[in-house]
Amino acid sequence: MSYVGVPHGVELDGAKLFYTHVHLHGGPAPVRRYLPQLIELVQSGRINPGKVFDLKLPLEQVADGYRAMDERRAIKTLLRP
């Protein structure tokens, strides 16, 4: 099992992982390191992030976007001003 990012409020039973031979690997997601370059690439039109966003909502519906992703009705939500 692997994860990216910092888990919050998660508890794991180490003995259960050990005896079921489950391996847990995780690490940080260095988003901030790449974000300025990626934003520039999107704004200049050199990359199209549209293939990732499958739900588009106005900014004031941000909670609906998070809910849709949490319920697996959307992969990523694009929020527009």
PDB file of N, CA and C in Angstrom:
ATOM      1  N   MET A   1       0.848  -1.131   0.000  1.00  0.00           N
ATOM      2  CA  MET A   1       0.000   0.000   0.000  1.00  0.00           C
ATOM      3  C   MET A   1       0.914   1.220   0.000  1.00  0.00           C
ATOM      4  N   SER A   2       0.566   2.206  -0.775  1.00  0.00           N
ATOM      5  CA  SER A   2       1.365   3.433  -0.793  1.00  0.00           C
ATOM      6  C   SER A   2       0.450   4.641  -0.751  1.00  0.00           C
ATOM      7  N   TYR A   3       1.011   5.742  -0.311  1.00  0.00           N
ATOM      8  CA  TYR A   3       0.257   6.993  -0.241  1.00  0.00           C
ATOM      9  C   TYR A   3       1.203   8.145  -0.513  1.00  0.00           C
ATOM     10  N   VAL A   4       0.620   9.233  -0.952  1.00  0.00           N
ATOM     11  CA  VAL A   4       1.375  10.459  -1.187  1.00  0.00           C
ATOM     12  C   VAL A   4       0.700  11.557  -0.404  1.00  0.00           C
ATOM     13  N   GLY A   5       1.484  12.329   0.316  1.00  0.00           N
ATOM     14  CA  GLY A   5       0.934  13.404   1.126  1.00  0.00           C
ATOM     15  C   GLY A   5       0.954  13.022   2.594  1.00  0.00           C
ATOM     16  N   VAL A   6       0.463  13.908   3.405  1.00  0.00           N
ATOM     17  CA  VAL A   6       0.474  13.700   4.851  1.00  0.00           C
ATOM     18  C   VAL A   6      -0.913  13.253   5.305  1.00  0.00           C
ATOM     19  N   PRO A   7      -1.012  12.031   5.840  1.00  0.00           N
ATOM     20  CA  PRO A   7      -2.315  11.584   6.330  1.00  0.00           C
ATOM     21  C   PRO A   7      -2.674  12.296   7.635  1.00  0.00           C
ATOM     22  N   HIS A   8      -3.917  12.672   7.767  1.00  0.00           N
ATOM     23  CA  HIS A   8      -4.401  13.332   8.978  1.00  0.00           C
ATOM     24  C   HIS A   8      -5.507  12.488   9.588  1.00  0.00           C
ATOM     25  N   GLY A   9      -5.424  12.261  10.884  1.00  0.00           N
ATOM     26  CA  GLY A   9      -6.472  11.523  11.570  1.00  0.00           C
ATOM     27  C   GLY A   9      -6.558  10.064  11.190  1.00  0.00           C
ATOM     28  N   VAL A  10      -5.443   9.470  10.779  1.00  0.00           N
ATOM     29  CA  VAL A  10      -5.433   8.077  10.344  1.00  0.00           C
ATOM     30  C   VAL A  10      -4.664   7.248  11.373  1.00  0.00           C
ATOM     31  N   GLU A  11      -5.255   6.126  11.743  1.00  0.00           N
ATOM     32  CA  GLU A  11      -4.573   5.204  12.647  1.00  0.00           C
ATOM     33  C   GLU A  11      -4.496   3.839  11.975  1.00  0.00           C
ATOM     34  N   LEU A  12      -3.327   3.214  12.065  1.00  0.00           N
ATOM     35  CA  LEU A  12      -3.134   1.898  11.463  1.00  0.00           C
ATOM     36  C   LEU A  12      -2.702   0.905  12.532  1.00  0.00           C
ATOM     37  N   ASP A  13      -3.168  -0.316  12.393  1.00  0.00           N
ATOM     38  CA  ASP A  13      -2.785  -1.396  13.294  1.00  0.00           C
ATOM     39  C   ASP A  13      -1.522  -2.036  12.735  1.00  0.00           C
ATOM     40  N   GLY A  14      -0.381  -1.718  13.338  1.00  0.00           N
ATOM     41  CA  GLY A  14       0.902  -2.223  12.854  1.00  0.00           C
ATOM     42  C   GLY A  14       0.987  -3.735  12.859  1.00  0.00           C
ATOM     43  N   ALA A  15       0.448  -4.383  13.879  1.00  0.00           N
ATOM     44  CA  ALA A  15       0.487  -5.846  13.941  1.00  0.00           C
ATOM     45  C   ALA A  15      -0.326  -6.458  12.799  1.00  0.00           C
ATOM     46  N   LYS A  16      -1.482  -5.875  12.518  1.00  0.00           N
ATOM     47  CA  LYS A  16      -2.314  -6.401  11.427  1.00  0.00           C
ATOM     48  C   LYS A  16      -1.581  -6.272  10.089  1.00  0.00           C
ATOM     49  N   LEU A  17      -0.935  -5.126   9.849  1.00  0.00           N
ATOM     50  CA  LEU A  17      -0.151  -4.961   8.628  1.00  0.00           C
ATOM     51  C   LEU A  17       0.952  -6.012   8.555  1.00  0.00           C
ATOM     52  N   PHE A  18       1.639  -6.204   9.672  1.00  0.00           N
ATOM     53  CA  PHE A  18       2.765  -7.145   9.718  1.00  0.00           C
ATOM     54  C   PHE A  18       2.314  -8.568   9.401  1.00  0.00           C
ATOM     55  N   TYR A  19       1.273  -9.026  10.070  1.00  0.00           N
ATOM     56  CA  TYR A  19       0.851 -10.416   9.909  1.00  0.00           C
ATOM     57  C   TYR A  19       0.087 -10.696   8.621  1.00  0.00           C
ATOM     58  N   THR A  20      -0.353  -9.650   7.922  1.00  0.00           N
ATOM     59  CA  THR A  20      -0.994  -9.864   6.618  1.00  0.00           C
ATOM     60  C   THR A  20      -0.018  -9.590   5.473  1.00  0.00           C
ATOM     61  N   HIS A  21       1.229  -9.340   5.838  1.00  0.00           N
ATOM     62  CA  HIS A  21       2.297  -9.102   4.851  1.00  0.00           C
ATOM     63  C   HIS A  21       2.003  -7.901   3.962  1.00  0.00           C
ATOM     64  N   VAL A  22       1.362  -6.900   4.529  1.00  0.00           N
ATOM     65  CA  VAL A  22       1.095  -5.660   3.800  1.00  0.00           C
ATOM     66  C   VAL A  22       2.251  -4.706   4.053  1.00  0.00           C
ATOM     67  N   HIS A  23       2.773  -4.146   3.004  1.00  0.00           N
ATOM     68  CA  HIS A  23       3.860  -3.179   3.099  1.00  0.00           C
ATOM     69  C   HIS A  23       3.289  -1.784   2.911  1.00  0.00           C
ATOM     70  N   LEU A  24       3.683  -0.882   3.759  1.00  0.00           N
ATOM     71  CA  LEU A  24       3.186   0.483   3.703  1.00  0.00           C
ATOM     72  C   LEU A  24       4.336   1.411   3.334  1.00  0.00           C
ATOM     73  N   HIS A  25       4.145   2.181   2.268  1.00  0.00           N
ATOM     74  CA  HIS A  25       5.155   3.126   1.806  1.00  0.00           C
ATOM     75  C   HIS A  25       4.482   4.480   1.617  1.00  0.00           C
ATOM     76  N   GLY A  26       5.147   5.516   2.047  1.00  0.00           N
ATOM     77  CA  GLY A  26       4.565   6.840   1.881  1.00  0.00           C
ATOM     78  C   GLY A  26       5.625   7.907   1.815  1.00  0.00           C
ATOM     79  N   GLY A  27       5.211   9.059   1.381  1.00  0.00           N
ATOM     80  CA  GLY A  27       6.140  10.178   1.297  1.00  0.00           C
ATOM     81  C   GLY A  27       5.400  11.469   1.021  1.00  0.00           C
ATOM     82  N   PRO A  28       6.131  12.562   1.114  1.00  0.00           N
ATOM     83  CA  PRO A  28       5.510  13.868   0.895  1.00  0.00           C
ATOM     84  C   PRO A  28       5.178  14.095  -0.577  1.00  0.00           C
ATOM     85  N   ALA A  29       4.280  15.022  -0.811  1.00  0.00           N
ATOM     86  CA  ALA A  29       3.937  15.445  -2.164  1.00  0.00           C
ATOM     87  C   ALA A  29       4.508  16.858  -2.334  1.00  0.00           C
ATOM     88  N   PRO A  30       5.635  17.006  -3.017  1.00  0.00           N
ATOM     89  CA  PRO A  30       6.285  18.318  -3.120  1.00  0.00           C
ATOM     90  C   PRO A  30       5.613  19.244  -4.130  1.00  0.00           C
ATOM     91  N   VAL A  31       4.315  19.450  -3.958  1.00  0.00           N
ATOM     92  CA  VAL A  31       3.525  20.223  -4.919  1.00  0.00           C
ATOM     93  C   VAL A  31       4.049  21.651  -5.065  1.00  0.00           C
ATOM     94  N   ARG A  32       4.351  22.281  -3.960  1.00  0.00           N
ATOM     95  CA  ARG A  32       4.769  23.688  -4.005  1.00  0.00           C
ATOM     96  C   ARG A  32       6.035  23.885  -4.824  1.00  0.00           C
ATOM     97  N   ARG A  33       6.860  22.878  -4.892  1.00  0.00           N
ATOM     98  CA  ARG A  33       8.096  22.982  -5.666  1.00  0.00           C
ATOM     99  C   ARG A  33       7.809  23.095  -7.164  1.00  0.00           C
ATOM    100  N   TYR A  34       6.794  22.387  -7.635  1.00  0.00           N
ATOM    101  CA  TYR A  34       6.478  22.352  -9.064  1.00  0.00           C
ATOM    102  C   TYR A  34       5.367  23.300  -9.474  1.00  0.00           C
ATOM    103  N   LEU A  35       4.592  23.790  -8.524  1.00  0.00           N
ATOM    104  CA  LEU A  35       3.404  24.576  -8.830  1.00  0.00           C
ATOM    105  C   LEU A  35       3.664  25.826  -9.671  1.00  0.00           C
ATOM    106  N   PRO A  36       4.642  26.682  -9.354  1.00  0.00           N
ATOM    107  CA  PRO A  36       4.845  27.880 -10.181  1.00  0.00           C
ATOM    108  C   PRO A  36       5.116  27.553 -11.650  1.00  0.00           C
ATOM    109  N   GLN A  37       5.939  26.548 -11.906  1.00  0.00           N
ATOM    110  CA  GLN A  37       6.242  26.167 -13.286  1.00  0.00           C
ATOM    111  C   GLN A  37       4.998  25.602 -13.975  1.00  0.00           C
ATOM    112  N   LEU A  38       4.243  24.779 -13.286  1.00  0.00           N
ATOM    113  CA  LEU A  38       3.043  24.199 -13.883  1.00  0.00           C
ATOM    114  C   LEU A  38       1.993  25.257 -14.192  1.00  0.00           C
ATOM    115  N   ILE A  39       1.816  26.210 -13.298  1.00  0.00           N
ATOM    116  CA  ILE A  39       0.859  27.292 -13.551  1.00  0.00           C
ATOM    117  C   ILE A  39       1.264  28.068 -14.796  1.00  0.00           C
ATOM    118  N   GLU A  40       2.539  28.348 -14.931  1.00  0.00           N
ATOM    119  CA  GLU A  40       3.019  29.076 -16.111  1.00  0.00           C
ATOM    120  C   GLU A  40       2.773  28.268 -17.389  1.00  0.00           C
ATOM    121  N   LEU A  41       3.002  26.965 -17.341  1.00  0.00           N
ATOM    122  CA  LEU A  41       2.778  26.108 -18.511  1.00  0.00           C
ATOM    123  C   LEU A  41       1.296  26.069 -18.899  1.00  0.00           C
ATOM    124  N   VAL A  42       0.418  26.032 -17.917  1.00  0.00           N
ATOM    125  CA  VAL A  42      -1.019  26.032 -18.196  1.00  0.00           C
ATOM    126  C   VAL A  42      -1.445  27.379 -18.766  1.00  0.00           C
ATOM    127  N   GLN A  43      -1.017  28.472 -18.120  1.00  0.00           N
ATOM    128  CA  GLN A  43      -1.420  29.805 -18.571  1.00  0.00           C
ATOM    129  C   GLN A  43      -0.897  30.136 -19.960  1.00  0.00           C
ATOM    130  N   SER A  44       0.274  29.612 -20.302  1.00  0.00           N
ATOM    131  CA  SER A  44       0.828  29.883 -21.634  1.00  0.00           C
ATOM    132  C   SER A  44       0.249  28.960 -22.702  1.00  0.00           C
ATOM    133  N   GLY A  45      -0.535  27.964 -22.279  1.00  0.00           N
ATOM    134  CA  GLY A  45      -1.151  27.048 -23.233  1.00  0.00           C
ATOM    135  C   GLY A  45      -0.247  25.921 -23.677  1.00  0.00           C
ATOM    136  N   ARG A  46       0.916  25.776 -23.052  1.00  0.00           N
ATOM    137  CA  ARG A  46       1.840  24.710 -23.454  1.00  0.00           C
ATOM    138  C   ARG A  46       1.411  23.335 -22.950  1.00  0.00           C
ATOM    139  N   ILE A  47       0.617  23.281 -21.887  1.00  0.00           N
ATOM    140  CA  ILE A  47       0.022  22.012 -21.460  1.00  0.00           C
ATOM    141  C   ILE A  47      -1.468  22.245 -21.209  1.00  0.00           C
ATOM    142  N   ASN A  48      -2.244  21.190 -21.385  1.00  0.00           N
ATOM    143  CA  ASN A  48      -3.690  21.266 -21.204  1.00  0.00           C
ATOM    144  C   ASN A  48      -4.075  20.372 -20.024  1.00  0.00           C
ATOM    145  N   PRO A  49      -4.413  20.967 -18.885  1.00  0.00           N
ATOM    146  CA  PRO A  49      -4.779  20.154 -17.730  1.00  0.00           C
ATOM    147  C   PRO A  49      -6.207  19.617 -17.809  1.00  0.00           C
ATOM    148  N   GLY A  50      -6.908  19.934 -18.869  1.00  0.00           N
ATOM    149  CA  GLY A  50      -8.319  19.580 -18.991  1.00  0.00           C
ATOM    150  C   GLY A  50      -8.616  18.100 -18.919  1.00  0.00           C
ATOM    151  N   LYS A  51      -7.657  17.252 -19.224  1.00  0.00           N
ATOM    152  CA  LYS A  51      -7.905  15.816 -19.188  1.00  0.00           C
ATOM    153  C   LYS A  51      -8.025  15.299 -17.759  1.00  0.00           C
ATOM    154  N   VAL A  52      -7.562  16.065 -16.801  1.00  0.00           N
ATOM    155  CA  VAL A  52      -7.647  15.658 -15.399  1.00  0.00           C
ATOM    156  C   VAL A  52      -8.969  16.099 -14.793  1.00  0.00           C
ATOM    157  N   PHE A  53      -9.427  17.285 -15.147  1.00  0.00           N
ATOM    158  CA  PHE A  53     -10.638  17.847 -14.560  1.00  0.00           C
ATOM    159  C   PHE A  53     -11.876  17.275 -15.244  1.00  0.00           C
ATOM    160  N   ASP A  54     -12.708  16.611 -14.471  1.00  0.00           N
ATOM    161  CA  ASP A  54     -13.929  16.064 -15.054  1.00  0.00           C
ATOM    162  C   ASP A  54     -15.181  16.695 -14.448  1.00  0.00           C
ATOM    163  N   LEU A  55     -14.992  17.729 -13.629  1.00  0.00           N
ATOM    164  CA  LEU A  55     -16.118  18.479 -13.078  1.00  0.00           C
ATOM    165  C   LEU A  55     -15.709  19.941 -13.005  1.00  0.00           C
ATOM    166  N   LYS A  56     -16.522  20.820 -13.533  1.00  0.00           N
ATOM    167  CA  LYS A  56     -16.245  22.258 -13.509  1.00  0.00           C
ATOM    168  C   LYS A  56     -17.361  22.947 -12.743  1.00  0.00           C
ATOM    169  N   LEU A  57     -16.952  23.747 -11.737  1.00  0.00           N
ATOM    170  CA  LEU A  57     -17.926  24.437 -10.906  1.00  0.00           C
ATOM    171  C   LEU A  57     -17.466  25.864 -10.643  1.00  0.00           C
ATOM    172  N   PRO A  58     -18.405  26.752 -10.333  1.00  0.00           N
ATOM    173  CA  PRO A  58     -18.004  28.097  -9.911  1.00  0.00           C
ATOM    174  C   PRO A  58     -17.365  28.026  -8.514  1.00  0.00           C
ATOM    175  N   LEU A  59     -16.490  28.971  -8.232  1.00  0.00           N
ATOM    176  CA  LEU A  59     -15.743  28.980  -6.984  1.00  0.00           C
ATOM    177  C   LEU A  59     -16.634  28.880  -5.751  1.00  0.00           C
ATOM    178  N   GLU A  60     -17.799  29.511  -5.800  1.00  0.00           N
ATOM    179  CA  GLU A  60     -18.669  29.479  -4.616  1.00  0.00           C
ATOM    180  C   GLU A  60     -19.242  28.082  -4.330  1.00  0.00           C
ATOM    181  N   GLN A  61     -19.058  27.129  -5.253  1.00  0.00           N
ATOM    182  CA  GLN A  61     -19.511  25.756  -5.031  1.00  0.00           C
ATOM    183  C   GLN A  61     -18.350  24.814  -4.702  1.00  0.00           C
ATOM    184  N   VAL A  62     -17.304  25.372  -4.121  1.00  0.00           N
ATOM    185  CA  VAL A  62     -16.114  24.581  -3.801  1.00  0.00           C
ATOM    186  C   VAL A  62     -16.453  23.379  -2.930  1.00  0.00           C
ATOM    187  N   ALA A  63     -17.355  23.540  -1.974  1.00  0.00           N
ATOM    188  CA  ALA A  63     -17.723  22.419  -1.100  1.00  0.00           C
ATOM    189  C   ALA A  63     -18.344  21.278  -1.910  1.00  0.00           C
ATOM    190  N   ASP A  64     -19.135  21.614  -2.927  1.00  0.00           N
ATOM    191  CA  ASP A  64     -19.730  20.585  -3.782  1.00  0.00           C
ATOM    192  C   ASP A  64     -18.648  19.836  -4.558  1.00  0.00           C
ATOM    193  N   GLY A  65     -17.619  20.549  -4.984  1.00  0.00           N
ATOM    194  CA  GLY A  65     -16.516  19.917  -5.699  1.00  0.00           C
ATOM    195  C   GLY A  65     -15.762  18.932  -4.827  1.00  0.00           C
ATOM    196  N   TYR A  66     -15.455  19.342  -3.601  1.00  0.00           N
ATOM    197  CA  TYR A  66     -14.780  18.432  -2.672  1.00  0.00           C
ATOM    198  C   TYR A  66     -15.659  17.216  -2.362  1.00  0.00           C
ATOM    199  N   ARG A  67     -16.944  17.443  -2.201  1.00  0.00           N
ATOM    200  CA  ARG A  67     -17.871  16.348  -1.918  1.00  0.00           C
ATOM    201  C   ARG A  67     -17.897  15.355  -3.080  1.00  0.00           C
ATOM    202  N   ALA A  68     -17.939  15.858  -4.301  1.00  0.00           N
ATOM    203  CA  ALA A  68     -17.969  14.983  -5.480  1.00  0.00           C
ATOM    204  C   ALA A  68     -16.701  14.143  -5.571  1.00  0.00           C
ATOM    205  N   MET A  69     -15.548  14.747  -5.257  1.00  0.00           N
ATOM    206  CA  MET A  69     -14.309  13.977  -5.283  1.00  0.00           C
ATOM    207  C   MET A  69     -14.289  12.944  -4.164  1.00  0.00           C
ATOM    208  N   ASP A  70     -14.764  13.332  -2.980  1.00  0.00           N
ATOM    209  CA  ASP A  70     -14.797  12.409  -1.846  1.00  0.00           C
ATOM    210  C   ASP A  70     -15.710  11.227  -2.121  1.00  0.00           C
ATOM    211  N   GLU A  71     -16.818  11.466  -2.802  1.00  0.00           N
ATOM    212  CA  GLU A  71     -17.778  10.405  -3.126  1.00  0.00           C
ATOM    213  C   GLU A  71     -17.434   9.684  -4.431  1.00  0.00           C
ATOM    214  N   ARG A  72     -16.299  10.016  -5.004  1.00  0.00           N
ATOM    215  CA  ARG A  72     -15.793   9.391  -6.243  1.00  0.00           C
ATOM    216  C   ARG A  72     -16.709   9.610  -7.443  1.00  0.00           C
ATOM    217  N   ARG A  73     -17.440  10.747  -7.421  1.00  0.00           N
ATOM    218  CA  ARG A  73     -18.230  11.131  -8.588  1.00  0.00           C
ATOM    219  C   ARG A  73     -17.411  11.996  -9.518  1.00  0.00           C
ATOM    220  N   ALA A  74     -16.244  12.453  -9.058  1.00  0.00           N
ATOM    221  CA  ALA A  74     -15.347  13.264  -9.868  1.00  0.00           C
ATOM    222  C   ALA A  74     -13.908  12.929  -9.497  1.00  0.00           C
ATOM    223  N   ILE A  75     -13.019  13.035 -10.483  1.00  0.00           N
ATOM    224  CA  ILE A  75     -11.597  12.824 -10.215  1.00  0.00           C
ATOM    225  C   ILE A  75     -10.990  14.104  -9.681  1.00  0.00           C
ATOM    226  N   LYS A  76     -11.146  15.180 -10.446  1.00  0.00           N
ATOM    227  CA  LYS A  76     -10.669  16.499 -10.027  1.00  0.00           C
ATOM    228  C   LYS A  76     -11.689  17.541 -10.450  1.00  0.00           C
ATOM    229  N   THR A  77     -11.867  18.533  -9.597  1.00  0.00           N
ATOM    230  CA  THR A  77     -12.819  19.601  -9.866  1.00  0.00           C
ATOM    231  C   THR A  77     -12.078  20.884 -10.234  1.00  0.00           C
ATOM    232  N   LEU A  78     -12.471  21.495 -11.334  1.00  0.00           N
ATOM    233  CA  LEU A  78     -11.923  22.776 -11.742  1.00  0.00           C
ATOM    234  C   LEU A  78     -12.866  23.862 -11.250  1.00  0.00           C
ATOM    235  N   LEU A  79     -12.329  24.763 -10.439  1.00  0.00           N
ATOM    236  CA  LEU A  79     -13.134  25.857  -9.895  1.00  0.00           C
ATOM    237  C   LEU A  79     -12.881  27.119 -10.711  1.00  0.00           C
ATOM    238  N   ARG A  80     -13.948  27.750 -11.147  1.00  0.00           N
ATOM    239  CA  ARG A  80     -13.842  28.975 -11.941  1.00  0.00           C
ATOM    240  C   ARG A  80     -14.348  30.155 -11.122  1.00  0.00           C
ATOM    241  N   PRO A  81     -13.709  31.329 -11.316  1.00  0.00           N
ATOM    242  CA  PRO A  81     -14.144  32.537 -10.573  1.00  0.00           C
ATOM    243  C   PRO A  81     -15.567  32.939 -10.941  1.00  0.00           C
TER     244      PRO A  81
END
